Amino acid sequence: MSNKQPIVEKALTATRESSEIEFKSEFDHTTRAWCELIKDIMAMANSNGGVIVFGLNDDGIHSGSDVSRIFKIDPAQIVDKIHKYTNVDYSQFELRQETKNSELIVCFLIDPCTVPIIPVRPGEYETEQKEKRSAFHKGVLYYRHGAKSEPGSSEDLAKIIRKNVEAHRREWMQGIKQVVKTTKRSVRHVVNKTVCFSSEITAQPIRVTDNPEAPEFRITDPNKTHPFRMKEFLKRLNEELTCLPKKITVFDIHGLMELYKFNNDIRYTYKPKFSPQLYSNEFASWIKEKVLQDRFFIQTARTRLRRIKRSTPSFASSHNVRA
């Protein structure tokens, strides 16, 4: 059985481009090439996703260009490029090496996005004749119309809204069915699980009572809920998340805690009085779920943290990373 996604198989046999397939004979890494690529990424992500194939002419025949360098581009660099023009950290894509007639090609798989990506600055570049051109314009929604990435229409926006409404409707219906099946005891158990220690000033205060009719509140042992020191925490994550191109590091964990405001959230981390910081099973599960949803989640977080550091010089000095 083939391990290729259906869209890749379709692209490998296609003899012309479509709304889901774009051919590029080469990629020279110029500003123009990047702007044209970002326009196609936005249009496909705003539509139904698709694949951009590097190394093929418009008729699907290999162009003869060496595209191996494209596969070596760090995905974080692509996220940075997209962010530069859109202020969006879009990372729902994947680069894959394939062959067609024994010739190397690179497939850039793009997943559809929930919220449309719209440029906040124009994709301007300069031609060899020193003329200024724009691959895309600020504030314009781009969408796939056949084999072209073009400005979207009201109908295109309506399609995006209908698609999102339908997705939410399915999610709501699944939730309703689950609630209907849940017993009164299960509901009470779920509600009680949300009660936890917190040092946040916005946390809801409670009182412990000996009234047998009062809702049950059981004090849990942090040594059981937070069994990992940093070394064991990283070991577990890296053993379970072998799909990642790079291992998760101490810097990544501290970066996630900073980006998502987890430093004072006892659900994820706990600092005993006389021992090192501890991390919970719930934090490990949260990271694993995010990575399984988006294999570039950690890389995107690294990029966001670097961007914060660059824009805030005092950030690095005020957030020392230690194991």
Protein backbone atom coordinates (compact mmCIF):
# COMPACT_ATOMS: atom_id res chain seq x y z
CA MET A 1 0.00 0.00 0.00
CA SER A 2 1.33 3.45 -0.90
CA ASN A 3 2.23 5.78 1.94
CA LYS A 4 1.70 8.85 -0.22
CA GLN A 5 -1.21 11.14 0.48
CA PRO A 6 -3.90 11.11 -2.25
CA ILE A 7 -3.10 14.69 -3.26
CA VAL A 8 0.58 13.77 -3.80
CA GLU A 9 -0.36 10.76 -5.92
CA LYS A 10 -2.70 12.98 -7.93
CA ALA A 11 0.05 15.59 -8.44
CA LEU A 12 2.56 12.98 -9.60
CA THR A 13 0.25 11.84 -12.41
CA ALA A 14 -1.27 15.24 -13.29
CA THR A 15 -0.49 16.83 -16.65
CA ARG A 16 -1.82 20.25 -15.73
CA GLU A 17 -2.38 22.44 -12.71
CA SER A 18 -5.64 22.74 -10.78
CA SER A 19 -7.10 24.43 -7.71
CA GLU A 20 -5.25 21.90 -5.54
CA ILE A 21 -2.08 21.47 -7.59
CA GLU A 22 0.54 24.07 -8.53
CA PHE A 23 3.71 23.32 -10.52
CA LYS A 24 6.89 25.38 -10.21
CA SER A 25 9.78 24.54 -12.53
CA GLU A 26 12.35 26.02 -10.13
CA PHE A 27 12.80 28.18 -7.04
CA ASP A 28 15.66 30.70 -7.05
CA HIS A 29 15.15 32.03 -3.50
CA THR A 30 14.77 35.63 -4.72
CA THR A 31 12.27 38.06 -3.18
CA ARG A 32 10.04 37.57 -6.22
CA ALA A 33 10.09 33.78 -5.84
CA TRP A 34 9.25 34.01 -2.13
CA CYS A 35 6.40 36.47 -2.74
CA GLU A 36 4.87 34.31 -5.47
CA LEU A 37 5.19 31.25 -3.22
CA ILE A 38 3.56 33.03 -0.26
CA LYS A 39 0.67 34.12 -2.51
CA ASP A 40 0.06 30.49 -3.51
CA ILE A 41 0.35 29.34 0.12
CA MET A 42 -2.25 31.91 1.24
CA ALA A 43 -4.61 31.06 -1.61
CA MET A 44 -4.43 27.29 -1.04
CA ALA A 45 -4.71 27.61 2.74
CA ASN A 46 -7.74 29.88 2.31
CA SER A 47 -9.31 27.39 -0.11
CA ASN A 48 -9.19 23.64 0.50
CA GLY A 49 -5.46 23.11 0.81
CA GLY A 50 -3.30 21.51 -1.85
CA VAL A 51 0.26 20.83 -2.97
CA ILE A 52 2.93 22.91 -4.70
CA VAL A 53 5.37 20.74 -6.65
CA PHE A 54 8.86 22.09 -7.34
CA GLY A 55 10.73 20.69 -10.34
CA LEU A 56 7.83 20.28 -12.81
CA ASN A 57 6.79 22.42 -15.77
CA ASP A 58 3.16 23.46 -16.35
CA ASP A 59 2.53 20.19 -18.23
CA GLY A 60 3.78 18.03 -15.34
CA ILE A 61 7.06 17.10 -17.05
CA HIS A 62 10.29 17.41 -15.06
CA SER A 63 11.96 20.76 -15.69
CA GLY A 64 15.51 19.48 -15.21
CA SER A 65 16.14 21.88 -12.33
CA ASP A 66 17.93 20.80 -9.17
CA VAL A 67 15.38 21.37 -6.40
CA SER A 68 17.20 19.51 -3.62
CA ARG A 69 18.07 22.82 -1.93
CA ILE A 70 14.38 23.56 -1.36
CA PHE A 71 13.96 20.48 0.84
CA LYS A 72 16.75 21.75 3.10
CA ILE A 73 14.91 24.99 3.95
CA ASP A 74 14.17 25.16 7.68
CA PRO A 75 10.35 25.15 8.13
CA ALA A 76 10.81 27.88 10.76
CA GLN A 77 12.25 30.10 7.98
CA ILE A 78 9.09 29.57 5.92
CA VAL A 79 6.93 30.42 8.95
CA ASP A 80 9.00 33.61 9.39
CA LYS A 81 8.56 34.56 5.74
CA ILE A 82 4.78 34.10 5.91
CA HIS A 83 4.62 36.05 9.18
CA LYS A 84 6.58 38.93 7.62
CA TYR A 85 3.73 39.63 5.19
CA THR A 86 0.69 38.41 7.17
CA ASN A 87 1.49 38.59 10.93
CA VAL A 88 0.24 34.98 11.03
CA ASP A 89 2.35 32.05 12.31
CA TYR A 90 1.05 29.57 9.73
CA SER A 91 2.81 26.20 10.02
CA GLN A 92 0.26 23.69 8.69
CA PHE A 93 2.50 22.55 5.85
CA GLU A 94 5.00 19.79 5.10
CA LEU A 95 7.94 19.47 2.70
CA ARG A 96 8.39 16.02 1.14
CA GLN A 97 10.89 14.60 -1.32
CA GLU A 98 9.41 12.49 -4.11
CA THR A 99 10.51 11.22 -7.51
CA LYS A 100 8.82 11.31 -10.89
CA ASN A 101 10.38 9.18 -13.62
CA SER A 102 13.41 8.75 -11.33
CA GLU A 103 13.89 12.53 -11.12
CA LEU A 104 13.82 14.34 -7.77
CA ILE A 105 10.95 16.71 -7.03
CA VAL A 106 9.83 18.43 -3.82
CA CYS A 107 6.20 18.52 -2.72
CA PHE A 108 5.01 21.34 -0.48
CA LEU A 109 1.78 20.09 1.14
CA ILE A 110 -0.54 22.79 2.47
CA ASP A 111 -3.44 22.23 4.88
CA PRO A 112 -6.51 24.49 4.81
CA CYS A 113 -6.74 27.09 7.59
CA THR A 114 -9.76 27.96 9.73
CA VAL A 115 -9.21 31.72 9.78
CA PRO A 116 -8.38 33.23 6.35
CA ILE A 117 -4.81 34.48 5.91
CA ILE A 118 -4.78 38.05 4.59
CA PRO A 119 -1.57 40.02 3.91
CA VAL A 120 -0.92 43.08 6.07
CA ARG A 121 1.75 44.39 3.69
CA PRO A 122 2.23 44.04 -0.08
CA GLY A 123 4.46 41.37 -1.60
CA GLU A 124 6.69 43.79 -3.47
CA TYR A 125 9.82 42.93 -5.43
CA GLU A 126 12.07 44.49 -8.06
CA THR A 127 12.47 43.15 -11.60
CA GLU A 128 15.76 42.89 -13.47
CA GLN A 129 14.77 46.14 -15.19
CA LYS A 130 14.52 47.80 -11.73
CA GLU A 131 10.73 48.02 -11.97
CA LYS A 132 8.69 47.53 -8.80
CA ARG A 133 6.00 44.84 -8.91
CA SER A 134 3.63 43.28 -6.37
CA ALA A 135 2.82 39.57 -6.24
CA PHE A 136 -0.05 40.35 -3.84
CA HIS A 137 -1.62 43.42 -2.24
CA LYS A 138 -2.21 44.45 1.36
CA GLY A 139 -5.65 43.61 2.78
CA VAL A 140 -6.71 41.37 -0.13
CA LEU A 141 -8.02 37.84 0.41
CA TYR A 142 -6.41 35.38 -2.04
CA TYR A 143 -8.20 32.24 -3.19
CA ARG A 144 -7.65 29.46 -5.74
CA HIS A 145 -9.66 29.90 -8.94
CA GLY A 146 -8.83 26.91 -11.08
CA ALA A 147 -5.04 26.87 -11.49
CA LYS A 148 -4.58 30.49 -10.41
CA SER A 149 -4.13 32.23 -7.06
CA GLU A 150 -6.27 35.35 -7.41
CA PRO A 151 -8.04 37.96 -5.26
CA GLY A 152 -11.09 36.37 -3.67
CA SER A 153 -14.70 37.40 -4.16
CA SER A 154 -17.70 37.66 -1.85
CA GLU A 155 -18.66 34.12 -2.88
CA ASP A 156 -15.19 32.85 -1.91
CA LEU A 157 -15.57 34.43 1.53
CA ALA A 158 -19.04 32.86 1.81
CA LYS A 159 -17.49 29.45 1.05
CA ILE A 160 -14.98 29.91 3.89
CA ILE A 161 -17.75 30.90 6.30
CA ARG A 162 -19.96 27.96 5.30
CA LYS A 163 -17.03 25.54 5.69
CA ASN A 164 -16.26 26.84 9.19
CA VAL A 165 -19.92 26.80 10.25
CA GLU A 166 -20.25 23.20 9.10
CA ALA A 167 -17.07 22.20 10.97
CA HIS A 168 -18.34 23.87 14.16
CA ARG A 169 -21.76 22.28 13.72
CA ARG A 170 -20.19 18.80 13.58
CA GLU A 171 -18.09 19.60 16.66
CA TRP A 172 -21.15 20.86 18.57
CA MET A 173 -23.22 17.81 17.64
CA GLN A 174 -20.47 15.47 18.86
CA GLY A 175 -20.34 17.44 22.12
CA ILE A 176 -24.12 17.30 22.55
CA LYS A 177 -24.15 13.53 21.99
CA GLN A 178 -21.41 13.12 24.58
CA VAL A 179 -23.32 15.21 27.13
CA VAL A 180 -26.49 13.21 26.56
CA LYS A 181 -24.60 9.98 27.27
CA THR A 182 -22.93 11.35 30.38
CA THR A 183 -24.48 10.29 33.66
CA LYS A 184 -25.12 12.61 36.58
CA ARG A 185 -22.21 11.04 38.45
CA SER A 186 -19.89 11.54 35.50
CA VAL A 187 -20.89 15.18 35.17
CA ARG A 188 -20.16 15.74 38.85
CA HIS A 189 -16.78 14.06 38.45
CA VAL A 190 -15.88 16.22 35.44
CA VAL A 191 -16.90 19.41 37.25
CA ASN A 192 -14.85 18.49 40.32
CA LYS A 193 -11.77 17.89 38.16
CA THR A 194 -11.65 21.59 37.32
CA VAL A 195 -10.95 22.45 41.00
CA CYS A 196 -7.22 22.79 41.57
CA PHE A 197 -4.66 24.80 43.52
CA SER A 198 -3.59 28.04 41.85
CA SER A 199 -1.56 31.05 42.85
CA GLU A 200 -3.29 33.23 40.24
CA ILE A 201 -5.09 36.24 41.72
CA THR A 202 -7.98 35.58 39.32
CA ALA A 203 -8.54 32.04 40.68
CA GLN A 204 -11.92 31.29 42.26
CA PRO A 205 -11.56 31.00 46.08
CA ILE A 206 -13.21 28.04 47.84
CA ARG A 207 -13.79 26.90 51.44
CA VAL A 208 -13.29 23.37 52.76
CA THR A 209 -16.27 22.22 54.84
CA ASP A 210 -17.25 19.16 56.85
CA ASN A 211 -20.79 19.31 55.50
CA PRO A 212 -21.44 15.83 53.99
CA GLU A 213 -23.85 17.39 51.47
CA ALA A 214 -21.20 19.77 50.08
CA PRO A 215 -19.42 18.94 46.78
CA GLU A 216 -16.37 16.76 47.32
CA PHE A 217 -12.91 18.37 47.09
CA ARG A 218 -9.98 16.01 47.40
CA ILE A 219 -6.46 17.38 47.95
CA THR A 220 -4.09 15.59 45.59
CA ASP A 221 -0.42 14.86 46.14
CA PRO A 222 1.71 17.08 43.79
CA ASN A 223 4.41 14.40 43.82
CA LYS A 224 1.94 12.11 42.02
CA THR A 225 0.44 14.71 39.67
CA HIS A 226 3.85 16.31 38.94
CA PRO A 227 6.30 13.37 38.88
CA PHE A 228 8.89 14.78 36.47
CA ARG A 229 11.99 16.85 36.98
CA MET A 230 13.19 18.55 33.80
CA LYS A 231 15.55 15.67 32.84
CA GLU A 232 12.83 13.00 33.13
CA PHE A 233 10.29 15.31 31.48
CA LEU A 234 12.46 15.80 28.39
CA LYS A 235 13.29 12.08 28.23
CA ARG A 236 9.60 11.12 28.19
CA LEU A 237 8.68 13.71 25.56
CA ASN A 238 11.53 12.85 23.20
CA GLU A 239 10.86 9.10 23.53
CA GLU A 240 7.17 9.57 22.68
CA LEU A 241 7.56 12.26 19.99
CA THR A 242 10.00 10.61 17.61
CA CYS A 243 8.22 12.31 14.69
CA LEU A 244 9.97 15.60 15.51
CA PRO A 245 12.98 16.54 13.33
CA LYS A 246 14.82 17.88 16.41
CA LYS A 247 14.71 16.88 20.07
CA ILE A 248 12.81 19.04 22.54
CA THR A 249 15.19 21.00 24.77
CA VAL A 250 15.13 22.85 28.09
CA PHE A 251 14.86 26.07 26.08
CA ASP A 252 11.71 24.76 24.37
CA ILE A 253 9.99 23.90 27.67
CA HIS A 254 10.77 27.28 29.23
CA GLY A 255 9.74 28.97 25.98
CA LEU A 256 6.35 27.22 25.95
CA MET A 257 5.76 28.12 29.59
CA GLU A 258 6.55 31.76 28.81
CA LEU A 259 4.54 31.96 25.59
CA TYR A 260 1.44 30.31 27.05
CA LYS A 261 1.69 31.83 30.56
CA PHE A 262 2.13 28.47 32.34
CA ASN A 263 4.76 29.56 34.86
CA ASN A 264 2.20 30.00 37.66
CA ASP A 265 -0.28 27.35 36.50
CA ILE A 266 -0.15 24.42 38.93
CA ARG A 267 -1.84 22.17 36.36
CA TYR A 268 1.46 22.12 34.44
CA THR A 269 4.28 22.94 36.85
CA TYR A 270 4.90 22.95 40.59
CA LYS A 271 7.83 24.27 42.64
CA PRO A 272 8.29 22.48 45.99
CA LYS A 273 9.90 24.49 48.73
CA PHE A 274 13.10 22.45 48.96
CA SER A 275 13.44 20.70 45.59
CA PRO A 276 13.69 21.51 41.85
CA GLN A 277 10.75 22.49 39.64
CA LEU A 278 8.39 19.61 38.82
CA TYR A 279 6.26 19.06 35.70
CA SER A 280 2.94 17.28 35.38
CA ASN A 281 1.54 14.49 33.25
CA GLU A 282 -1.03 17.00 32.05
CA PHE A 283 1.71 19.28 30.69
CA ALA A 284 3.30 16.32 28.86
CA SER A 285 -0.08 15.35 27.39
CA TRP A 286 -0.72 18.95 26.32
CA ILE A 287 2.60 19.15 24.43
CA LYS A 288 2.05 15.73 22.83
CA GLU A 289 -1.46 16.69 21.66
CA LYS A 290 -0.20 19.94 20.14
CA VAL A 291 2.62 18.18 18.28
CA LEU A 292 0.33 15.44 16.95
CA GLN A 293 -2.00 18.14 15.65
CA ASP A 294 0.88 20.10 14.12
CA ARG A 295 4.32 18.45 13.81
CA PHE A 296 5.90 21.93 13.49
CA PHE A 297 4.35 23.22 16.73
CA ILE A 298 7.68 23.27 18.63
CA GLN A 299 9.51 24.90 15.71
CA THR A 300 6.83 27.58 15.45
CA ALA A 301 7.10 28.24 19.19
CA ARG A 302 10.88 28.60 18.82
CA THR A 303 10.33 31.11 16.02
CA ARG A 304 7.84 33.12 18.04
CA LEU A 305 10.20 33.20 21.02
CA ARG A 306 13.10 34.40 18.84
CA ARG A 307 10.83 37.11 17.44
CA ILE A 308 9.88 38.24 20.95
CA LYS A 309 13.54 38.33 21.97
CA ARG A 310 14.47 40.42 18.93
CA SER A 311 11.65 42.90 19.52
CA THR A 312 12.21 43.07 23.31
CA PRO A 313 15.95 43.43 24.14
CA SER A 314 15.33 43.03 27.87
CA PHE A 315 13.48 39.74 27.40
CA ALA A 316 16.58 37.50 27.31
CA SER A 317 18.18 39.09 30.36
CA SER A 318 14.98 38.92 32.42
CA HIS A 319 14.18 35.26 31.59
CA ASN A 320 17.19 33.09 32.40
CA VAL A 321 16.68 29.55 31.16
CA ARG A 322 17.86 26.90 33.62
CA ALA A 323 17.30 23.15 33.93
